């Protein structure tokens, strides 16, 4: 099946970034919005499309697009 739309920018995580994102997801005291953004980035790093991440996490497509692009622009600071 042919890809629709523009090619997605690949999310590649360093070991340090991956470890930090996983910590934010697992930590009980993390703010829920931070944990959710971390889940989005971790899913994007698996190489799946935004629509697949949206489906898996039951989020809107614009939300997934926003956090993928923000991570690519600012990394963990985003």
PDB file of N, CA and C in Angstrom:
ATOM      1  N   UNK A   1       0.840  -1.185   0.000  1.00  0.00           N
ATOM      2  CA  UNK A   1       0.000   0.000   0.000  1.00  0.00           C
ATOM      3  C   UNK A   1       0.883   1.245   0.000  1.00  0.00           C
ATOM      4  N   UNK A   2       0.562   2.178  -0.831  1.00  0.00           N
ATOM      5  CA  UNK A   2       1.353   3.401  -0.944  1.00  0.00           C
ATOM      6  C   UNK A   2       1.105   4.311   0.253  1.00  0.00           C
ATOM      7  N   UNK A   3       2.143   5.031   0.644  1.00  0.00           N
ATOM      8  CA  UNK A   3       2.040   5.969   1.755  1.00  0.00           C
ATOM      9  C   UNK A   3       1.269   7.192   1.303  1.00  0.00           C
ATOM     10  N   UNK A   4       0.393   7.686   2.168  1.00  0.00           N
ATOM     11  CA  UNK A   4      -0.358   8.896   1.857  1.00  0.00           C
ATOM     12  C   UNK A   4       0.255  10.066   2.605  1.00  0.00           C
ATOM     13  N   UNK A   5       0.228  11.222   1.976  1.00  0.00           N
ATOM     14  CA  UNK A   5       0.746  12.416   2.627  1.00  0.00           C
ATOM     15  C   UNK A   5       2.262  12.476   2.596  1.00  0.00           C
ATOM     16  N   UNK A   6       2.810  13.532   3.191  1.00  0.00           N
ATOM     17  CA  UNK A   6       4.266  13.687   3.214  1.00  0.00           C
ATOM     18  C   UNK A   6       4.915  12.645   4.117  1.00  0.00           C
ATOM     19  N   UNK A   7       6.162  12.363   3.828  1.00  0.00           N
ATOM     20  CA  UNK A   7       6.908  11.407   4.649  1.00  0.00           C
ATOM     21  C   UNK A   7       7.082  11.974   6.057  1.00  0.00           C
ATOM     22  N   UNK A   8       6.930  11.102   7.039  1.00  0.00           N
ATOM     23  CA  UNK A   8       7.098  11.518   8.429  1.00  0.00           C
ATOM     24  C   UNK A   8       8.569  11.651   8.772  1.00  0.00           C
ATOM     25  N   UNK A   9       8.866  12.648   9.573  1.00  0.00           N
ATOM     26  CA  UNK A   9      10.223  12.771  10.100  1.00  0.00           C
ATOM     27  C   UNK A   9      10.422  11.649  11.107  1.00  0.00           C
ATOM     28  N   UNK A  10      11.507  10.951  10.991  1.00  0.00           N
ATOM     29  CA  UNK A  10      11.782   9.823  11.870  1.00  0.00           C
ATOM     30  C   UNK A  10      12.186  10.310  13.256  1.00  0.00           C
ATOM     31  N   UNK A  11      11.620   9.691  14.267  1.00  0.00           N
ATOM     32  CA  UNK A  11      11.970  10.008  15.649  1.00  0.00           C
ATOM     33  C   UNK A  11      13.002   8.980  16.102  1.00  0.00           C
ATOM     34  N   UNK A  12      14.219   9.443  16.304  1.00  0.00           N
ATOM     35  CA  UNK A  12      15.287   8.587  16.813  1.00  0.00           C
ATOM     36  C   UNK A  12      15.645   9.077  18.204  1.00  0.00           C
ATOM     37  N   UNK A  13      15.658   8.144  19.135  1.00  0.00           N
ATOM     38  CA  UNK A  13      15.950   8.489  20.521  1.00  0.00           C
ATOM     39  C   UNK A  13      17.326   7.987  20.919  1.00  0.00           C
ATOM     40  N   UNK A  14      18.040   8.809  21.639  1.00  0.00           N
ATOM     41  CA  UNK A  14      19.286   8.332  22.248  1.00  0.00           C
ATOM     42  C   UNK A  14      18.882   7.461  23.437  1.00  0.00           C
ATOM     43  N   UNK A  15      19.808   6.690  23.945  1.00  0.00           N
ATOM     44  CA  UNK A  15      19.522   5.859  25.114  1.00  0.00           C
ATOM     45  C   UNK A  15      19.106   6.726  26.304  1.00  0.00           C
ATOM     46  N   UNK A  16      19.757   7.853  26.447  1.00  0.00           N
ATOM     47  CA  UNK A  16      19.444   8.770  27.547  1.00  0.00           C
ATOM     48  C   UNK A  16      18.026   9.314  27.415  1.00  0.00           C
ATOM     49  N   UNK A  17      17.655   9.729  26.202  1.00  0.00           N
ATOM     50  CA  UNK A  17      16.301  10.242  25.981  1.00  0.00           C
ATOM     51  C   UNK A  17      15.259   9.165  26.243  1.00  0.00           C
ATOM     52  N   UNK A  18      15.500   7.963  25.713  1.00  0.00           N
ATOM     53  CA  UNK A  18      14.546   6.861  25.914  1.00  0.00           C
ATOM     54  C   UNK A  18      14.392   6.566  27.408  1.00  0.00           C
ATOM     55  N   UNK A  19      15.492   6.494  28.123  1.00  0.00           N
ATOM     56  CA  UNK A  19      15.440   6.217  29.558  1.00  0.00           C
ATOM     57  C   UNK A  19      14.629   7.285  30.298  1.00  0.00           C
ATOM     58  N   UNK A  20      14.851   8.542  29.954  1.00  0.00           N
ATOM     59  CA  UNK A  20      14.119   9.627  30.616  1.00  0.00           C
ATOM     60  C   UNK A  20      12.626   9.555  30.310  1.00  0.00           C
ATOM     61  N   UNK A  21      12.269   9.318  29.060  1.00  0.00           N
ATOM     62  CA  UNK A  21      10.858   9.218  28.689  1.00  0.00           C
ATOM     63  C   UNK A  21      10.181   8.060  29.415  1.00  0.00           C
ATOM     64  N   UNK A  22      10.851   6.926  29.485  1.00  0.00           N
ATOM     65  CA  UNK A  22      10.292   5.771  30.197  1.00  0.00           C
ATOM     66  C   UNK A  22      10.125   6.089  31.681  1.00  0.00           C
ATOM     67  N   UNK A  23      11.087   6.784  32.267  1.00  0.00           N
ATOM     68  CA  UNK A  23      10.965   7.176  33.680  1.00  0.00           C
ATOM     69  C   UNK A  23       9.745   8.062  33.897  1.00  0.00           C
ATOM     70  N   UNK A  24       9.535   9.028  32.987  1.00  0.00           N
ATOM     71  CA  UNK A  24       8.373   9.914  33.115  1.00  0.00           C
ATOM     72  C   UNK A  24       7.067   9.143  32.991  1.00  0.00           C
ATOM     73  N   UNK A  25       7.042   8.144  32.128  1.00  0.00           N
ATOM     74  CA  UNK A  25       5.831   7.339  31.960  1.00  0.00           C
ATOM     75  C   UNK A  25       5.564   6.512  33.215  1.00  0.00           C
ATOM     76  N   UNK A  26       6.584   5.930  33.794  1.00  0.00           N
ATOM     77  CA  UNK A  26       6.420   5.000  34.914  1.00  0.00           C
ATOM     78  C   UNK A  26       6.318   5.651  36.284  1.00  0.00           C
ATOM     79  N   UNK A  27       6.878   6.855  36.410  1.00  0.00           N
ATOM     80  CA  UNK A  27       6.921   7.506  37.714  1.00  0.00           C
ATOM     81  C   UNK A  27       5.516   7.905  38.169  1.00  0.00           C
ATOM     82  N   UNK A  28       5.156   7.539  39.371  1.00  0.00           N
ATOM     83  CA  UNK A  28       3.821   7.823  39.904  1.00  0.00           C
ATOM     84  C   UNK A  28       3.566   9.317  40.069  1.00  0.00           C
ATOM     85  N   UNK A  29       4.605  10.078  40.329  1.00  0.00           N
ATOM     86  CA  UNK A  29       4.405  11.499  40.604  1.00  0.00           C
ATOM     87  C   UNK A  29       4.534  12.378  39.360  1.00  0.00           C
ATOM     88  N   UNK A  30       4.744  11.775  38.199  1.00  0.00           N
ATOM     89  CA  UNK A  30       4.785  12.571  36.970  1.00  0.00           C
ATOM     90  C   UNK A  30       3.414  13.168  36.702  1.00  0.00           C
ATOM     91  N   UNK A  31       3.405  14.376  36.213  1.00  0.00           N
ATOM     92  CA  UNK A  31       2.142  14.961  35.780  1.00  0.00           C
ATOM     93  C   UNK A  31       1.590  14.107  34.638  1.00  0.00           C
ATOM     94  N   UNK A  32       0.295  13.924  34.607  1.00  0.00           N
ATOM     95  CA  UNK A  32      -0.304  13.054  33.605  1.00  0.00           C
ATOM     96  C   UNK A  32      -0.075  13.559  32.178  1.00  0.00           C
ATOM     97  N   UNK A  33      -0.051  14.864  31.985  1.00  0.00           N
ATOM     98  CA  UNK A  33       0.199  15.388  30.649  1.00  0.00           C
ATOM     99  C   UNK A  33       1.624  15.091  30.191  1.00  0.00           C
ATOM    100  N   UNK A  34       2.582  15.146  31.103  1.00  0.00           N
ATOM    101  CA  UNK A  34       3.972  14.806  30.771  1.00  0.00           C
ATOM    102  C   UNK A  34       4.087  13.318  30.432  1.00  0.00           C
ATOM    103  N   UNK A  35       3.424  12.477  31.200  1.00  0.00           N
ATOM    104  CA  UNK A  35       3.456  11.037  30.942  1.00  0.00           C
ATOM    105  C   UNK A  35       2.826  10.726  29.590  1.00  0.00           C
ATOM    106  N   UNK A  36       1.734  11.399  29.257  1.00  0.00           N
ATOM    107  CA  UNK A  36       1.074  11.168  27.972  1.00  0.00           C
ATOM    108  C   UNK A  36       1.961  11.609  26.812  1.00  0.00           C
ATOM    109  N   UNK A  37       2.577  12.770  26.921  1.00  0.00           N
ATOM    110  CA  UNK A  37       3.482  13.239  25.867  1.00  0.00           C
ATOM    111  C   UNK A  37       4.648  12.274  25.708  1.00  0.00           C
ATOM    112  N   UNK A  38       5.137  11.740  26.806  1.00  0.00           N
ATOM    113  CA  UNK A  38       6.231  10.765  26.743  1.00  0.00           C
ATOM    114  C   UNK A  38       5.792   9.503  26.021  1.00  0.00           C
ATOM    115  N   UNK A  39       4.575   9.042  26.287  1.00  0.00           N
ATOM    116  CA  UNK A  39       4.049   7.861  25.580  1.00  0.00           C
ATOM    117  C   UNK A  39       3.958   8.111  24.079  1.00  0.00           C
ATOM    118  N   UNK A  40       3.504   9.296  23.714  1.00  0.00           N
ATOM    119  CA  UNK A  40       3.385   9.643  22.296  1.00  0.00           C
ATOM    120  C   UNK A  40       4.754   9.561  21.626  1.00  0.00           C
ATOM    121  N   UNK A  41       5.753  10.166  22.230  1.00  0.00           N
ATOM    122  CA  UNK A  41       7.093  10.167  21.636  1.00  0.00           C
ATOM    123  C   UNK A  41       7.653   8.748  21.558  1.00  0.00           C
ATOM    124  N   UNK A  42       7.467   7.964  22.599  1.00  0.00           N
ATOM    125  CA  UNK A  42       7.958   6.579  22.581  1.00  0.00           C
ATOM    126  C   UNK A  42       7.279   5.768  21.479  1.00  0.00           C
ATOM    127  N   UNK A  43       5.993   5.964  21.286  1.00  0.00           N
ATOM    128  CA  UNK A  43       5.283   5.263  20.201  1.00  0.00           C
ATOM    129  C   UNK A  43       5.782   5.740  18.842  1.00  0.00           C
ATOM    130  N   UNK A  44       5.978   7.038  18.679  1.00  0.00           N
ATOM    131  CA  UNK A  44       6.482   7.571  17.412  1.00  0.00           C
ATOM    132  C   UNK A  44       7.860   6.989  17.090  1.00  0.00           C
ATOM    133  N   UNK A  45       8.653   6.751  18.114  1.00  0.00           N
ATOM    134  CA  UNK A  45      10.003   6.223  17.915  1.00  0.00           C
ATOM    135  C   UNK A  45       9.995   4.776  17.427  1.00  0.00           C
ATOM    136  N   UNK A  46       8.843   4.097  17.503  1.00  0.00           N
ATOM    137  CA  UNK A  46       8.768   2.728  16.987  1.00  0.00           C
ATOM    138  C   UNK A  46       8.665   2.709  15.469  1.00  0.00           C
ATOM    139  N   UNK A  47       8.466   3.884  14.865  1.00  0.00           N
ATOM    140  CA  UNK A  47       8.428   3.971  13.410  1.00  0.00           C
ATOM    141  C   UNK A  47       7.045   3.904  12.799  1.00  0.00           C
ATOM    142  N   UNK A  48       6.005   3.892  13.628  1.00  0.00           N
ATOM    143  CA  UNK A  48       4.647   3.827  13.094  1.00  0.00           C
ATOM    144  C   UNK A  48       4.159   5.223  12.717  1.00  0.00           C
ATOM    145  N   UNK A  49       3.088   5.264  11.966  1.00  0.00           N
ATOM    146  CA  UNK A  49       2.527   6.531  11.503  1.00  0.00           C
ATOM    147  C   UNK A  49       1.830   7.267  12.645  1.00  0.00           C
ATOM    148  N   UNK A  50       1.584   8.549  12.420  1.00  0.00           N
ATOM    149  CA  UNK A  50       0.840   9.346  13.400  1.00  0.00           C
ATOM    150  C   UNK A  50      -0.553   8.763  13.618  1.00  0.00           C
ATOM    151  N   UNK A  51      -1.189   8.316  12.549  1.00  0.00           N
ATOM    152  CA  UNK A  51      -2.536   7.760  12.703  1.00  0.00           C
ATOM    153  C   UNK A  51      -2.517   6.478  13.524  1.00  0.00           C
ATOM    154  N   UNK A  52      -1.460   5.682  13.401  1.00  0.00           N
ATOM    155  CA  UNK A  52      -1.353   4.469  14.204  1.00  0.00           C
ATOM    156  C   UNK A  52      -1.110   4.812  15.673  1.00  0.00           C
ATOM    157  N   UNK A  53      -0.273   5.797  15.946  1.00  0.00           N
ATOM    158  CA  UNK A  53      -0.054   6.239  17.326  1.00  0.00           C
ATOM    159  C   UNK A  53      -1.371   6.770  17.896  1.00  0.00           C
ATOM    160  N   UNK A  54      -2.078   7.543  17.100  1.00  0.00           N
ATOM    161  CA  UNK A  54      -3.370   8.085  17.506  1.00  0.00           C
ATOM    162  C   UNK A  54      -4.336   6.967  17.881  1.00  0.00           C
ATOM    163  N   UNK A  55      -4.380   5.936  17.071  1.00  0.00           N
ATOM    164  CA  UNK A  55      -5.266   4.802  17.333  1.00  0.00           C
ATOM    165  C   UNK A  55      -4.842   4.044  18.590  1.00  0.00           C
ATOM    166  N   UNK A  56      -3.554   3.757  18.705  1.00  0.00           N
ATOM    167  CA  UNK A  56      -3.046   2.988  19.851  1.00  0.00           C
ATOM    168  C   UNK A  56      -3.288   3.695  21.179  1.00  0.00           C
ATOM    169  N   UNK A  57      -3.080   5.010  21.201  1.00  0.00           N
ATOM    170  CA  UNK A  57      -3.186   5.767  22.453  1.00  0.00           C
ATOM    171  C   UNK A  57      -4.548   6.446  22.621  1.00  0.00           C
ATOM    172  N   UNK A  58      -5.413   6.276  21.626  1.00  0.00           N
ATOM    173  CA  UNK A  58      -6.749   6.867  21.639  1.00  0.00           C
ATOM    174  C   UNK A  58      -6.686   8.388  21.832  1.00  0.00           C
ATOM    175  N   UNK A  59      -5.862   9.003  20.988  1.00  0.00           N
ATOM    176  CA  UNK A  59      -5.691  10.451  20.980  1.00  0.00           C
ATOM    177  C   UNK A  59      -6.078  10.985  19.621  1.00  0.00           C
ATOM    178  N   UNK A  60      -6.316  12.278  19.548  1.00  0.00           N
ATOM    179  CA  UNK A  60      -6.603  12.885  18.253  1.00  0.00           C
ATOM    180  C   UNK A  60      -5.320  12.951  17.420  1.00  0.00           C
ATOM    181  N   UNK A  61      -5.478  12.912  16.117  1.00  0.00           N
ATOM    182  CA  UNK A  61      -4.342  12.994  15.206  1.00  0.00           C
ATOM    183  C   UNK A  61      -3.573  14.315  15.364  1.00  0.00           C
ATOM    184  N   UNK A  62      -4.264  15.455  15.497  1.00  0.00           N
ATOM    185  CA  UNK A  62      -3.509  16.707  15.715  1.00  0.00           C
ATOM    186  C   UNK A  62      -2.645  16.687  16.977  1.00  0.00           C
ATOM    187  N   UNK A  63      -3.093  16.008  18.016  1.00  0.00           N
ATOM    188  CA  UNK A  63      -2.301  15.912  19.250  1.00  0.00           C
ATOM    189  C   UNK A  63      -1.011  15.145  18.995  1.00  0.00           C
ATOM    190  N   UNK A  64      -1.113  14.043  18.287  1.00  0.00           N
ATOM    191  CA  UNK A  64       0.073  13.241  17.980  1.00  0.00           C
ATOM    192  C   UNK A  64       1.026  14.035  17.090  1.00  0.00           C
ATOM    193  N   UNK A  65       0.490  14.700  16.081  1.00  0.00           N
ATOM    194  CA  UNK A  65       1.331  15.523  15.195  1.00  0.00           C
ATOM    195  C   UNK A  65       2.082  16.588  15.987  1.00  0.00           C
ATOM    196  N   UNK A  66       1.359  17.243  16.893  1.00  0.00           N
ATOM    197  CA  UNK A  66       1.952  18.320  17.685  1.00  0.00           C
ATOM    198  C   UNK A  66       3.125  17.811  18.511  1.00  0.00           C
ATOM    199  N   UNK A  67       2.961  16.691  19.209  1.00  0.00           N
ATOM    200  CA  UNK A  67       4.015  16.224  20.096  1.00  0.00           C
ATOM    201  C   UNK A  67       5.169  15.591  19.351  1.00  0.00           C
ATOM    202  N   UNK A  68       4.897  14.981  18.189  1.00  0.00           N
ATOM    203  CA  UNK A  68       6.002  14.475  17.360  1.00  0.00           C
ATOM    204  C   UNK A  68       6.853  15.651  16.898  1.00  0.00           C
ATOM    205  N   UNK A  69       6.215  16.670  16.338  1.00  0.00           N
ATOM    206  CA  UNK A  69       6.984  17.803  15.803  1.00  0.00           C
ATOM    207  C   UNK A  69       7.664  18.587  16.919  1.00  0.00           C
ATOM    208  N   UNK A  70       7.008  18.748  18.049  1.00  0.00           N
ATOM    209  CA  UNK A  70       7.630  19.484  19.147  1.00  0.00           C
ATOM    210  C   UNK A  70       8.861  18.746  19.664  1.00  0.00           C
ATOM    211  N   UNK A  71       8.773  17.413  19.755  1.00  0.00           N
ATOM    212  CA  UNK A  71       9.942  16.648  20.195  1.00  0.00           C
ATOM    213  C   UNK A  71      11.082  16.794  19.193  1.00  0.00           C
ATOM    214  N   UNK A  72      10.766  16.716  17.901  1.00  0.00           N
ATOM    215  CA  UNK A  72      11.823  16.839  16.892  1.00  0.00           C
ATOM    216  C   UNK A  72      12.482  18.206  16.910  1.00  0.00           C
ATOM    217  N   UNK A  73      11.731  19.245  17.245  1.00  0.00           N
ATOM    218  CA  UNK A  73      12.278  20.600  17.301  1.00  0.00           C
ATOM    219  C   UNK A  73      13.109  20.835  18.562  1.00  0.00           C
ATOM    220  N   UNK A  74      12.591  20.361  19.703  1.00  0.00           N
ATOM    221  CA  UNK A  74      13.195  20.743  20.992  1.00  0.00           C
ATOM    222  C   UNK A  74      13.685  19.572  21.833  1.00  0.00           C
ATOM    223  N   UNK A  75      13.531  18.374  21.317  1.00  0.00           N
ATOM    224  CA  UNK A  75      13.913  17.149  22.034  1.00  0.00           C
ATOM    225  C   UNK A  75      13.201  17.100  23.397  1.00  0.00           C
ATOM    226  N   UNK A  76      13.869  16.719  24.468  1.00  0.00           N
ATOM    227  CA  UNK A  76      13.209  16.580  25.771  1.00  0.00           C
ATOM    228  C   UNK A  76      12.704  17.900  26.338  1.00  0.00           C
ATOM    229  N   UNK A  77      13.272  19.005  25.909  1.00  0.00           N
ATOM    230  CA  UNK A  77      12.835  20.299  26.396  1.00  0.00           C
ATOM    231  C   UNK A  77      11.463  20.698  25.830  1.00  0.00           C
ATOM    232  N   UNK A  78      11.037  20.011  24.785  1.00  0.00           N
ATOM    233  CA  UNK A  78       9.755  20.342  24.146  1.00  0.00           C
ATOM    234  C   UNK A  78       8.592  19.862  24.949  1.00  0.00           C
TER     235      UNK A  78
END
